[in-house]
Amino acid sequence: MVTLDQALAYLRDNCALEVVAATAWSVSDIRAYEAATGLKIPDQLRTVLMQVGHCGVESNDAFIVTHDDGSRSVHESQILVSSRNSFMAMHQMFMKDDSWPNQFTLPMVFFGTADAGHSYLLMDGTNPENGEVYFWERATDPFGTGDNAKGVAKVADSLAEFFMKLTAPDKLQGAIAP
């Protein structure tokens, strides 16, 4: 099993990790987010927020998503970990409410974007020990119901695993069905 430290080193060495200075979260930032949203930030994401903060990768930024219908597609990360303001602004979008009772199966923590901001990277917002990473392709699920073939899809069992899967887009094109 890959560690988060190994995954962060991989990002620095292979993906041109770029960190926005002075954006690491404090314990009080984490508590404020959780109190305001009712969500729990997953443990690995908490560590990345406190060690790194807002960041992205400039190369080797692609990953494969296997959708519920069995199809596979390649996507490129845009913002690997978003800013505190984005975390707060986006949290309500990934929770059930009276307006959209069938929206998502579990409250999700938004943490990053892909595909020029048209797709979102998410994690479980209820269980800090659940490190699974999910992908939501907004363009094929505009109402966020998560009930279509291209809606929410699990992409990794942990944040560290997700980081380690990032690679050059051209290396992944042959890995998906035509």
N, C-alpha and C. Protein backbone atom coordinates (compact mmCIF):
# COMPACT_ATOMS: atom_id res chain seq x y z
N MET A 1 0.84 -1.18 0.00
CA MET A 1 0.00 0.00 0.00
C MET A 1 0.88 1.24 0.00
N VAL A 2 0.59 2.15 -0.90
CA VAL A 2 1.36 3.37 -1.03
C VAL A 2 0.97 4.35 0.09
N THR A 3 1.98 5.05 0.62
CA THR A 3 1.71 6.03 1.67
C THR A 3 1.44 7.39 1.04
N LEU A 4 0.86 8.27 1.81
CA LEU A 4 0.59 9.62 1.34
C LEU A 4 1.91 10.37 1.08
N ASP A 5 2.91 10.15 1.92
CA ASP A 5 4.21 10.79 1.70
C ASP A 5 4.82 10.34 0.37
N GLN A 6 4.69 9.05 0.05
CA GLN A 6 5.19 8.55 -1.24
C GLN A 6 4.42 9.18 -2.39
N ALA A 7 3.11 9.31 -2.23
CA ALA A 7 2.29 9.90 -3.28
C ALA A 7 2.62 11.37 -3.49
N LEU A 8 2.85 12.11 -2.42
CA LEU A 8 3.22 13.52 -2.57
C LEU A 8 4.60 13.65 -3.22
N ALA A 9 5.51 12.78 -2.88
CA ALA A 9 6.83 12.78 -3.53
C ALA A 9 6.68 12.47 -5.02
N TYR A 10 5.80 11.52 -5.36
CA TYR A 10 5.53 11.21 -6.76
C TYR A 10 5.03 12.45 -7.50
N LEU A 11 4.11 13.19 -6.88
CA LEU A 11 3.58 14.40 -7.52
C LEU A 11 4.68 15.42 -7.75
N ARG A 12 5.55 15.59 -6.77
CA ARG A 12 6.66 16.56 -6.91
C ARG A 12 7.63 16.12 -8.01
N ASP A 13 7.97 14.83 -8.03
CA ASP A 13 8.99 14.32 -8.94
C ASP A 13 8.49 14.07 -10.36
N ASN A 14 7.20 13.76 -10.53
CA ASN A 14 6.70 13.33 -11.83
C ASN A 14 5.61 14.20 -12.43
N CYS A 15 5.00 15.04 -11.63
CA CYS A 15 3.82 15.76 -12.12
C CYS A 15 3.94 17.28 -12.03
N ALA A 16 5.12 17.77 -11.69
CA ALA A 16 5.34 19.21 -11.55
C ALA A 16 4.31 19.84 -10.61
N LEU A 17 4.25 19.31 -9.39
CA LEU A 17 3.33 19.82 -8.37
C LEU A 17 3.60 21.30 -8.13
N GLU A 18 2.55 22.09 -8.22
CA GLU A 18 2.65 23.52 -7.93
C GLU A 18 1.73 23.83 -6.76
N VAL A 19 2.32 24.41 -5.72
CA VAL A 19 1.59 24.73 -4.50
C VAL A 19 1.43 26.24 -4.41
N VAL A 20 0.21 26.69 -4.09
CA VAL A 20 -0.02 28.11 -3.88
C VAL A 20 0.49 28.43 -2.47
N ALA A 21 1.40 29.37 -2.38
CA ALA A 21 2.03 29.70 -1.10
C ALA A 21 1.01 30.14 -0.06
N ALA A 22 1.29 29.76 1.17
CA ALA A 22 0.51 30.18 2.35
C ALA A 22 -0.96 29.78 2.28
N THR A 23 -1.24 28.60 1.72
CA THR A 23 -2.64 28.14 1.64
C THR A 23 -2.90 26.88 2.45
N ALA A 24 -1.90 26.39 3.17
CA ALA A 24 -2.11 25.20 4.00
C ALA A 24 -3.15 25.54 5.07
N TRP A 25 -3.97 24.55 5.37
CA TRP A 25 -5.03 24.74 6.37
C TRP A 25 -4.48 24.52 7.76
N SER A 26 -5.07 25.20 8.72
CA SER A 26 -4.76 24.98 10.13
C SER A 26 -5.84 24.07 10.72
N VAL A 27 -5.61 23.62 11.93
CA VAL A 27 -6.61 22.83 12.63
C VAL A 27 -7.90 23.64 12.77
N SER A 28 -7.77 24.93 13.04
CA SER A 28 -8.98 25.77 13.18
C SER A 28 -9.70 25.93 11.85
N ASP A 29 -8.99 25.94 10.73
CA ASP A 29 -9.63 25.99 9.40
C ASP A 29 -10.45 24.72 9.18
N ILE A 30 -9.88 23.57 9.54
CA ILE A 30 -10.58 22.29 9.39
C ILE A 30 -11.84 22.29 10.25
N ARG A 31 -11.69 22.68 11.50
CA ARG A 31 -12.85 22.71 12.42
C ARG A 31 -13.92 23.67 11.92
N ALA A 32 -13.53 24.82 11.41
CA ALA A 32 -14.50 25.81 10.92
C ALA A 32 -15.27 25.25 9.72
N TYR A 33 -14.57 24.60 8.80
CA TYR A 33 -15.23 23.99 7.64
C TYR A 33 -16.22 22.93 8.09
N GLU A 34 -15.77 22.04 8.96
CA GLU A 34 -16.64 20.95 9.42
C GLU A 34 -17.85 21.47 10.19
N ALA A 35 -17.65 22.50 11.00
CA ALA A 35 -18.77 23.07 11.76
C ALA A 35 -19.78 23.76 10.83
N ALA A 36 -19.29 24.45 9.84
CA ALA A 36 -20.17 25.19 8.92
C ALA A 36 -20.92 24.27 7.96
N THR A 37 -20.32 23.15 7.61
CA THR A 37 -20.91 22.28 6.58
C THR A 37 -21.56 21.01 7.14
N GLY A 38 -21.16 20.59 8.32
CA GLY A 38 -21.63 19.32 8.85
C GLY A 38 -20.91 18.13 8.24
N LEU A 39 -19.91 18.39 7.40
CA LEU A 39 -19.12 17.33 6.76
C LEU A 39 -17.87 17.03 7.57
N LYS A 40 -17.29 15.88 7.33
CA LYS A 40 -16.02 15.50 7.93
C LYS A 40 -15.00 15.34 6.82
N ILE A 41 -13.89 16.03 6.93
CA ILE A 41 -12.84 15.91 5.92
C ILE A 41 -12.10 14.59 6.13
N PRO A 42 -12.00 13.78 5.07
CA PRO A 42 -11.30 12.49 5.19
C PRO A 42 -9.84 12.69 5.64
N ASP A 43 -9.33 11.70 6.37
CA ASP A 43 -8.02 11.81 7.01
C ASP A 43 -6.89 12.14 6.03
N GLN A 44 -6.81 11.44 4.89
CA GLN A 44 -5.71 11.73 3.95
C GLN A 44 -5.85 13.13 3.36
N LEU A 45 -7.07 13.54 3.08
CA LEU A 45 -7.27 14.89 2.54
C LEU A 45 -6.90 15.92 3.59
N ARG A 46 -7.25 15.66 4.84
CA ARG A 46 -6.90 16.57 5.95
C ARG A 46 -5.38 16.76 5.99
N THR A 47 -4.64 15.67 5.86
CA THR A 47 -3.18 15.75 5.88
C THR A 47 -2.66 16.59 4.72
N VAL A 48 -3.19 16.36 3.53
CA VAL A 48 -2.76 17.15 2.37
C VAL A 48 -3.10 18.63 2.56
N LEU A 49 -4.28 18.91 3.06
CA LEU A 49 -4.67 20.30 3.29
C LEU A 49 -3.73 20.98 4.27
N MET A 50 -3.33 20.27 5.32
CA MET A 50 -2.49 20.87 6.35
C MET A 50 -1.01 20.93 5.95
N GLN A 51 -0.57 20.01 5.07
CA GLN A 51 0.83 20.02 4.65
C GLN A 51 1.07 20.83 3.38
N VAL A 52 0.09 20.82 2.48
CA VAL A 52 0.28 21.39 1.15
C VAL A 52 -0.66 22.56 0.88
N GLY A 53 -1.95 22.33 1.04
CA GLY A 53 -2.95 23.35 0.73
C GLY A 53 -3.33 23.33 -0.74
N HIS A 54 -3.70 24.49 -1.26
CA HIS A 54 -4.17 24.67 -2.63
C HIS A 54 -3.04 24.33 -3.59
N CYS A 55 -3.30 23.38 -4.51
CA CYS A 55 -2.23 22.95 -5.42
C CYS A 55 -2.80 22.36 -6.71
N GLY A 56 -1.92 22.20 -7.66
CA GLY A 56 -2.25 21.55 -8.92
C GLY A 56 -1.00 20.91 -9.49
N VAL A 57 -1.18 20.17 -10.57
CA VAL A 57 -0.03 19.57 -11.24
C VAL A 57 0.00 20.08 -12.67
N GLU A 58 1.20 20.28 -13.16
CA GLU A 58 1.37 20.85 -14.49
C GLU A 58 1.67 19.81 -15.56
N SER A 59 1.99 18.60 -15.17
CA SER A 59 2.25 17.53 -16.14
C SER A 59 1.83 16.20 -15.53
N ASN A 60 1.70 15.20 -16.39
CA ASN A 60 1.30 13.87 -15.94
C ASN A 60 0.07 13.96 -15.04
N ASP A 61 -0.97 14.60 -15.56
CA ASP A 61 -2.14 14.93 -14.75
C ASP A 61 -3.40 14.16 -15.13
N ALA A 62 -3.28 13.14 -15.95
CA ALA A 62 -4.46 12.42 -16.44
C ALA A 62 -4.73 11.17 -15.61
N PHE A 63 -6.00 10.76 -15.62
CA PHE A 63 -6.42 9.56 -14.91
C PHE A 63 -7.60 8.94 -15.64
N ILE A 64 -7.82 7.66 -15.39
CA ILE A 64 -8.91 6.92 -16.03
C ILE A 64 -10.07 6.80 -15.06
N VAL A 65 -11.28 6.98 -15.61
CA VAL A 65 -12.50 6.77 -14.84
C VAL A 65 -13.25 5.61 -15.49
N THR A 66 -13.64 4.63 -14.67
CA THR A 66 -14.49 3.55 -15.13
C THR A 66 -15.89 3.85 -14.61
N HIS A 67 -16.82 4.05 -15.54
CA HIS A 67 -18.18 4.45 -15.20
C HIS A 67 -19.04 3.22 -14.87
N ASP A 68 -20.20 3.47 -14.27
CA ASP A 68 -21.11 2.39 -13.88
C ASP A 68 -21.52 1.51 -15.06
N ASP A 69 -21.56 2.08 -16.26
CA ASP A 69 -21.96 1.30 -17.43
C ASP A 69 -20.80 0.50 -18.02
N GLY A 70 -19.62 0.56 -17.36
CA GLY A 70 -18.45 -0.18 -17.82
C GLY A 70 -17.57 0.59 -18.79
N SER A 71 -18.03 1.70 -19.29
CA SER A 71 -17.20 2.50 -20.19
C SER A 71 -16.07 3.15 -19.40
N ARG A 72 -15.00 3.48 -20.11
CA ARG A 72 -13.84 4.11 -19.49
C ARG A 72 -13.52 5.38 -20.24
N SER A 73 -13.05 6.37 -19.52
CA SER A 73 -12.69 7.64 -20.15
C SER A 73 -11.48 8.24 -19.45
N VAL A 74 -10.72 9.04 -20.20
CA VAL A 74 -9.54 9.70 -19.67
C VAL A 74 -9.90 11.14 -19.34
N HIS A 75 -9.43 11.60 -18.19
CA HIS A 75 -9.70 12.98 -17.75
C HIS A 75 -8.40 13.58 -17.24
N GLU A 76 -8.31 14.90 -17.31
CA GLU A 76 -7.13 15.60 -16.83
C GLU A 76 -7.48 16.46 -15.64
N SER A 77 -6.70 16.32 -14.57
CA SER A 77 -6.95 17.15 -13.40
C SER A 77 -6.66 18.60 -13.76
N GLN A 78 -7.38 19.49 -13.12
CA GLN A 78 -7.14 20.91 -13.32
C GLN A 78 -6.57 21.47 -12.04
N ILE A 79 -7.36 21.45 -11.00
CA ILE A 79 -6.91 21.88 -9.69
C ILE A 79 -6.95 20.64 -8.80
N LEU A 80 -5.79 20.19 -8.38
CA LEU A 80 -5.72 18.96 -7.60
C LEU A 80 -6.36 19.14 -6.23
N VAL A 81 -6.05 20.24 -5.55
CA VAL A 81 -6.69 20.57 -4.27
C VAL A 81 -7.06 22.04 -4.33
N SER A 82 -8.33 22.32 -4.20
CA SER A 82 -8.86 23.68 -4.35
C SER A 82 -8.59 24.54 -3.12
N SER A 83 -8.92 25.79 -3.25
CA SER A 83 -8.75 26.76 -2.16
C SER A 83 -9.82 26.56 -1.08
N ARG A 84 -9.58 27.11 0.10
CA ARG A 84 -10.56 27.05 1.19
C ARG A 84 -11.90 27.63 0.76
N ASN A 85 -11.86 28.74 0.04
CA ASN A 85 -13.11 29.38 -0.42
C ASN A 85 -13.89 28.45 -1.34
N SER A 86 -13.21 27.73 -2.21
CA SER A 86 -13.89 26.80 -3.11
C SER A 86 -14.48 25.63 -2.36
N PHE A 87 -13.75 25.11 -1.38
CA PHE A 87 -14.29 24.02 -0.55
C PHE A 87 -15.63 24.45 0.05
N MET A 88 -15.64 25.65 0.62
CA MET A 88 -16.85 26.14 1.28
C MET A 88 -17.96 26.42 0.28
N ALA A 89 -17.64 27.05 -0.81
CA ALA A 89 -18.66 27.41 -1.81
C ALA A 89 -19.30 26.20 -2.46
N MET A 90 -18.55 25.12 -2.61
CA MET A 90 -19.03 23.95 -3.35
C MET A 90 -19.68 22.88 -2.48
N HIS A 91 -19.60 22.97 -1.16
CA HIS A 91 -20.02 21.84 -0.33
C HIS A 91 -21.50 21.49 -0.48
N GLN A 92 -22.36 22.46 -0.63
CA GLN A 92 -23.80 22.18 -0.67
C GLN A 92 -24.20 21.43 -1.94
N MET A 93 -23.41 21.58 -2.99
CA MET A 93 -23.73 20.96 -4.26
C MET A 93 -23.72 19.43 -4.18
N PHE A 94 -23.01 18.87 -3.22
CA PHE A 94 -22.82 17.43 -3.17
C PHE A 94 -23.53 16.78 -1.97
N MET A 95 -24.65 17.37 -1.60
CA MET A 95 -25.44 16.84 -0.49
C MET A 95 -26.91 16.78 -0.88
N LYS A 96 -27.62 15.80 -0.36
CA LYS A 96 -29.07 15.71 -0.58
C LYS A 96 -29.73 16.89 0.11
N ASP A 97 -30.80 17.38 -0.48
CA ASP A 97 -31.63 18.37 0.19
C ASP A 97 -33.06 18.24 -0.32
N ASP A 98 -33.96 19.04 0.19
CA ASP A 98 -35.37 18.93 -0.19
C ASP A 98 -35.60 19.22 -1.67
N SER A 99 -34.78 20.09 -2.27
CA SER A 99 -34.94 20.42 -3.69
C SER A 99 -34.57 19.26 -4.60
N TRP A 100 -33.51 18.53 -4.23
CA TRP A 100 -33.01 17.42 -5.03
C TRP A 100 -32.83 16.20 -4.12
N PRO A 101 -33.92 15.56 -3.70
CA PRO A 101 -33.81 14.47 -2.73
C PRO A 101 -33.01 13.26 -3.23
N ASN A 102 -32.86 13.09 -4.51
CA ASN A 102 -32.10 11.97 -5.05
C ASN A 102 -30.70 12.37 -5.50
N GLN A 103 -30.21 13.50 -5.02
CA GLN A 103 -28.97 14.05 -5.55
C GLN A 103 -27.79 13.09 -5.42
N PHE A 104 -27.20 12.93 -4.28
CA PHE A 104 -26.04 12.04 -4.14
C PHE A 104 -26.31 11.03 -3.04
N THR A 105 -25.70 9.88 -3.15
CA THR A 105 -25.95 8.83 -2.19
C THR A 105 -25.32 9.12 -0.83
N LEU A 106 -24.28 9.92 -0.79
CA LEU A 106 -23.70 10.31 0.49
C LEU A 106 -23.18 11.74 0.38
N PRO A 107 -23.17 12.46 1.48
CA PRO A 107 -22.61 13.81 1.43
C PRO A 107 -21.13 13.73 1.04
N MET A 108 -20.74 14.54 0.08
CA MET A 108 -19.39 14.50 -0.46
C MET A 108 -18.63 15.78 -0.13
N VAL A 109 -17.33 15.62 0.07
CA VAL A 109 -16.43 16.75 0.22
C VAL A 109 -15.83 17.01 -1.15
N PHE A 110 -16.10 18.16 -1.72
CA PHE A 110 -15.46 18.60 -2.96
C PHE A 110 -14.03 18.99 -2.61
N PHE A 111 -13.05 18.55 -3.44
CA PHE A 111 -11.68 18.98 -3.17
C PHE A 111 -10.90 19.42 -4.39
N GLY A 112 -11.34 19.10 -5.60
CA GLY A 112 -10.59 19.50 -6.78
C GLY A 112 -11.42 19.41 -8.04
N THR A 113 -10.81 19.85 -9.15
CA THR A 113 -11.52 19.85 -10.43
C THR A 113 -10.70 19.12 -11.50
N ALA A 114 -11.39 18.77 -12.56
CA ALA A 114 -10.76 18.15 -13.73
C ALA A 114 -11.45 18.70 -14.97
N ASP A 115 -10.87 18.42 -16.12
CA ASP A 115 -11.49 18.76 -17.40
C ASP A 115 -11.86 20.24 -17.49
N ALA A 116 -10.90 21.10 -17.20
CA ALA A 116 -11.09 22.55 -17.26
C ALA A 116 -12.24 23.02 -16.37
N GLY A 117 -12.41 22.33 -15.25
CA GLY A 117 -13.45 22.72 -14.29
C GLY A 117 -14.81 22.13 -14.56
N HIS A 118 -14.94 21.27 -15.56
CA HIS A 118 -16.24 20.67 -15.90
C HIS A 118 -16.51 19.36 -15.17
N SER A 119 -15.55 18.92 -14.36
CA SER A 119 -15.71 17.70 -13.57
C SER A 119 -15.12 17.96 -12.19
N TYR A 120 -15.59 17.18 -11.21
CA TYR A 120 -15.19 17.42 -9.84
C TYR A 120 -14.61 16.18 -9.19
N LEU A 121 -13.64 16.39 -8.30
CA LEU A 121 -13.05 15.33 -7.49
C LEU A 121 -13.66 15.43 -6.11
N LEU A 122 -14.12 14.28 -5.58
CA LEU A 122 -14.89 14.25 -4.35
C LEU A 122 -14.43 13.13 -3.43
N MET A 123 -14.74 13.28 -2.14
CA MET A 123 -14.50 12.22 -1.16
C MET A 123 -15.70 12.16 -0.22
N ASP A 124 -15.83 11.04 0.47
CA ASP A 124 -16.89 10.82 1.45
C ASP A 124 -16.81 11.89 2.53
N GLY A 125 -17.92 12.57 2.78
CA GLY A 125 -17.97 13.62 3.78
C GLY A 125 -18.53 13.19 5.12
N THR A 126 -18.72 11.87 5.31
CA THR A 126 -19.30 11.40 6.57
C THR A 126 -18.34 10.56 7.40
N ASN A 127 -17.39 9.89 6.75
CA ASN A 127 -16.49 8.98 7.45
C ASN A 127 -15.04 9.36 7.16
N PRO A 128 -14.37 10.01 8.11
CA PRO A 128 -12.99 10.45 7.87
C PRO A 128 -12.02 9.32 7.51
N GLU A 129 -12.37 8.08 7.88
CA GLU A 129 -11.49 6.95 7.57
C GLU A 129 -11.67 6.43 6.15
N ASN A 130 -12.74 6.83 5.48
CA ASN A 130 -12.98 6.42 4.10
C ASN A 130 -12.17 7.34 3.19
N GLY A 131 -11.13 6.80 2.59
CA GLY A 131 -10.25 7.60 1.74
C GLY A 131 -10.57 7.52 0.26
N GLU A 132 -11.69 6.87 -0.10
CA GLU A 132 -12.02 6.68 -1.52
C GLU A 132 -12.21 8.02 -2.23
N VAL A 133 -11.74 8.07 -3.47
CA VAL A 133 -11.86 9.26 -4.31
C VAL A 133 -12.90 8.99 -5.38
N TYR A 134 -13.78 9.96 -5.58
CA TYR A 134 -14.86 9.87 -6.56
C TYR A 134 -14.73 10.98 -7.59
N PHE A 135 -15.36 10.76 -8.71
CA PHE A 135 -15.31 11.69 -9.84
C PHE A 135 -16.75 11.96 -10.29
N TRP A 136 -17.07 13.19 -10.52
CA TRP A 136 -18.40 13.56 -11.03
C TRP A 136 -18.22 14.41 -12.28
N GLU A 137 -18.68 13.88 -13.40
CA GLU A 137 -18.58 14.55 -14.69
C GLU A 137 -19.85 15.38 -14.88
N ARG A 138 -19.75 16.65 -14.57
CA ARG A 138 -20.90 17.54 -14.57
C ARG A 138 -21.62 17.58 -15.91
N ALA A 139 -20.89 17.55 -16.99
CA ALA A 139 -21.50 17.70 -18.31
C ALA A 139 -22.49 16.58 -18.64
N THR A 140 -22.31 15.39 -18.06
CA THR A 140 -23.21 14.29 -18.35
C THR A 140 -24.21 14.03 -17.23
N ASP A 141 -24.19 14.86 -16.21
CA ASP A 141 -25.10 14.71 -15.08
C ASP A 141 -25.41 16.11 -14.54
N PRO A 142 -26.02 16.97 -15.36
CA PRO A 142 -26.15 18.38 -15.00
C PRO A 142 -26.95 18.66 -13.74
N PHE A 143 -27.82 17.75 -13.33
CA PHE A 143 -28.61 18.00 -12.13
C PHE A 143 -28.04 17.32 -10.90
N GLY A 144 -26.92 16.63 -11.04
CA GLY A 144 -26.26 16.03 -9.90
C GLY A 144 -27.01 14.88 -9.27
N THR A 145 -27.83 14.21 -10.03
CA THR A 145 -28.59 13.11 -9.45
C THR A 145 -27.73 11.89 -9.20
N GLY A 146 -26.62 11.77 -9.90
CA GLY A 146 -25.73 10.64 -9.69
C GLY A 146 -26.33 9.32 -10.12
N ASP A 147 -27.45 9.37 -10.86
CA ASP A 147 -28.12 8.12 -11.22
C ASP A 147 -27.97 7.77 -12.69
N ASN A 148 -27.04 8.40 -13.38
CA ASN A 148 -26.83 8.03 -14.78
C ASN A 148 -25.47 7.37 -14.95
N ALA A 149 -25.23 6.84 -16.12
CA ALA A 149 -24.02 6.07 -16.37
C ALA A 149 -22.75 6.89 -16.26
N LYS A 150 -22.82 8.19 -16.41
CA LYS A 150 -21.62 9.01 -16.36
C LYS A 150 -21.62 9.92 -15.14
N GLY A 151 -22.42 9.63 -14.14
CA GLY A 151 -22.48 10.46 -12.94
C GLY A 151 -21.30 10.21 -12.03
N VAL A 152 -21.55 9.94 -10.77
CA VAL A 152 -20.50 9.71 -9.79
C VAL A 152 -19.84 8.36 -10.04
N ALA A 153 -18.52 8.34 -10.04
CA ALA A 153 -17.77 7.10 -10.23
C ALA A 153 -16.59 7.08 -9.27
N LYS A 154 -16.35 5.96 -8.65
CA LYS A 154 -15.18 5.80 -7.78
C LYS A 154 -13.95 5.65 -8.66
N VAL A 155 -12.88 6.41 -8.34
CA VAL A 155 -11.67 6.33 -9.15
C VAL A 155 -10.47 5.75 -8.40
N ALA A 156 -10.54 5.73 -7.07
CA ALA A 156 -9.42 5.18 -6.30
C ALA A 156 -9.88 4.83 -4.89
N ASP A 157 -9.19 3.87 -4.29
CA ASP A 157 -9.50 3.47 -2.92
C ASP A 157 -8.96 4.44 -1.88
N SER A 158 -8.00 5.29 -2.29
CA SER A 158 -7.43 6.28 -1.36
C SER A 158 -6.92 7.47 -2.16
N LEU A 159 -6.72 8.57 -1.46
CA LEU A 159 -6.18 9.77 -2.10
C LEU A 159 -4.76 9.51 -2.58
N ALA A 160 -3.98 8.80 -1.78
CA ALA A 160 -2.61 8.46 -2.18
C ALA A 160 -2.61 7.64 -3.47
N GLU A 161 -3.50 6.67 -3.56
CA GLU A 161 -3.61 5.86 -4.78
C GLU A 161 -4.00 6.73 -5.97
N PHE A 162 -4.94 7.64 -5.77
CA PHE A 162 -5.35 8.53 -6.85
C PHE A 162 -4.16 9.34 -7.35
N PHE A 163 -3.40 9.93 -6.43
CA PHE A 163 -2.24 10.72 -6.83
C PHE A 163 -1.25 9.86 -7.64
N MET A 164 -1.04 8.63 -7.22
CA MET A 164 -0.08 7.75 -7.89
C MET A 164 -0.56 7.30 -9.28
N LYS A 165 -1.85 7.40 -9.54
CA LYS A 165 -2.39 7.01 -10.84
C LYS A 165 -2.23 8.11 -11.89
N LEU A 166 -1.92 9.32 -11.47
CA LEU A 166 -1.81 10.41 -12.44
C LEU A 166 -0.63 10.16 -13.37
N THR A 167 -0.88 10.34 -14.66
CA THR A 167 0.15 10.09 -15.66
C THR A 167 -0.13 10.95 -16.89
N ALA A 168 0.72 10.86 -17.88
CA ALA A 168 0.54 11.63 -19.12
C ALA A 168 -0.71 11.16 -19.86
N PRO A 169 -1.52 12.09 -20.35
CA PRO A 169 -2.75 11.71 -21.05
C PRO A 169 -2.52 10.75 -22.22
N ASP A 170 -1.46 10.96 -22.99
CA ASP A 170 -1.23 10.10 -24.15
C ASP A 170 -0.90 8.66 -23.75
N LYS A 171 -0.41 8.45 -22.55
CA LYS A 171 -0.14 7.08 -22.09
C LYS A 171 -1.41 6.35 -21.72
N LEU A 172 -2.48 7.08 -21.44
CA LEU A 172 -3.73 6.46 -21.02
C LEU A 172 -4.71 6.26 -22.15
N GLN A 173 -4.55 6.96 -23.25
CA GLN A 173 -5.52 6.87 -24.34
C GLN A 173 -5.68 5.44 -24.83
N GLY A 174 -4.61 4.67 -24.87
CA GLY A 174 -4.70 3.28 -25.33
C GLY A 174 -5.31 2.34 -24.31
N ALA A 175 -5.50 2.83 -23.08
CA ALA A 175 -6.03 1.98 -22.02
C ALA A 175 -7.55 1.98 -21.96
N ILE A 176 -8.18 2.78 -22.82
CA ILE A 176 -9.65 2.81 -22.80
C ILE A 176 -10.18 2.20 -24.08
N ALA A 177 -11.39 1.70 -24.00
CA ALA A 177 -12.02 1.09 -25.18
C ALA A 177 -12.35 2.18 -26.19
N PRO A 178 -12.22 1.88 -27.50
CA PRO A 178 -12.51 2.87 -28.54
C PRO A 178 -13.98 3.25 -28.57
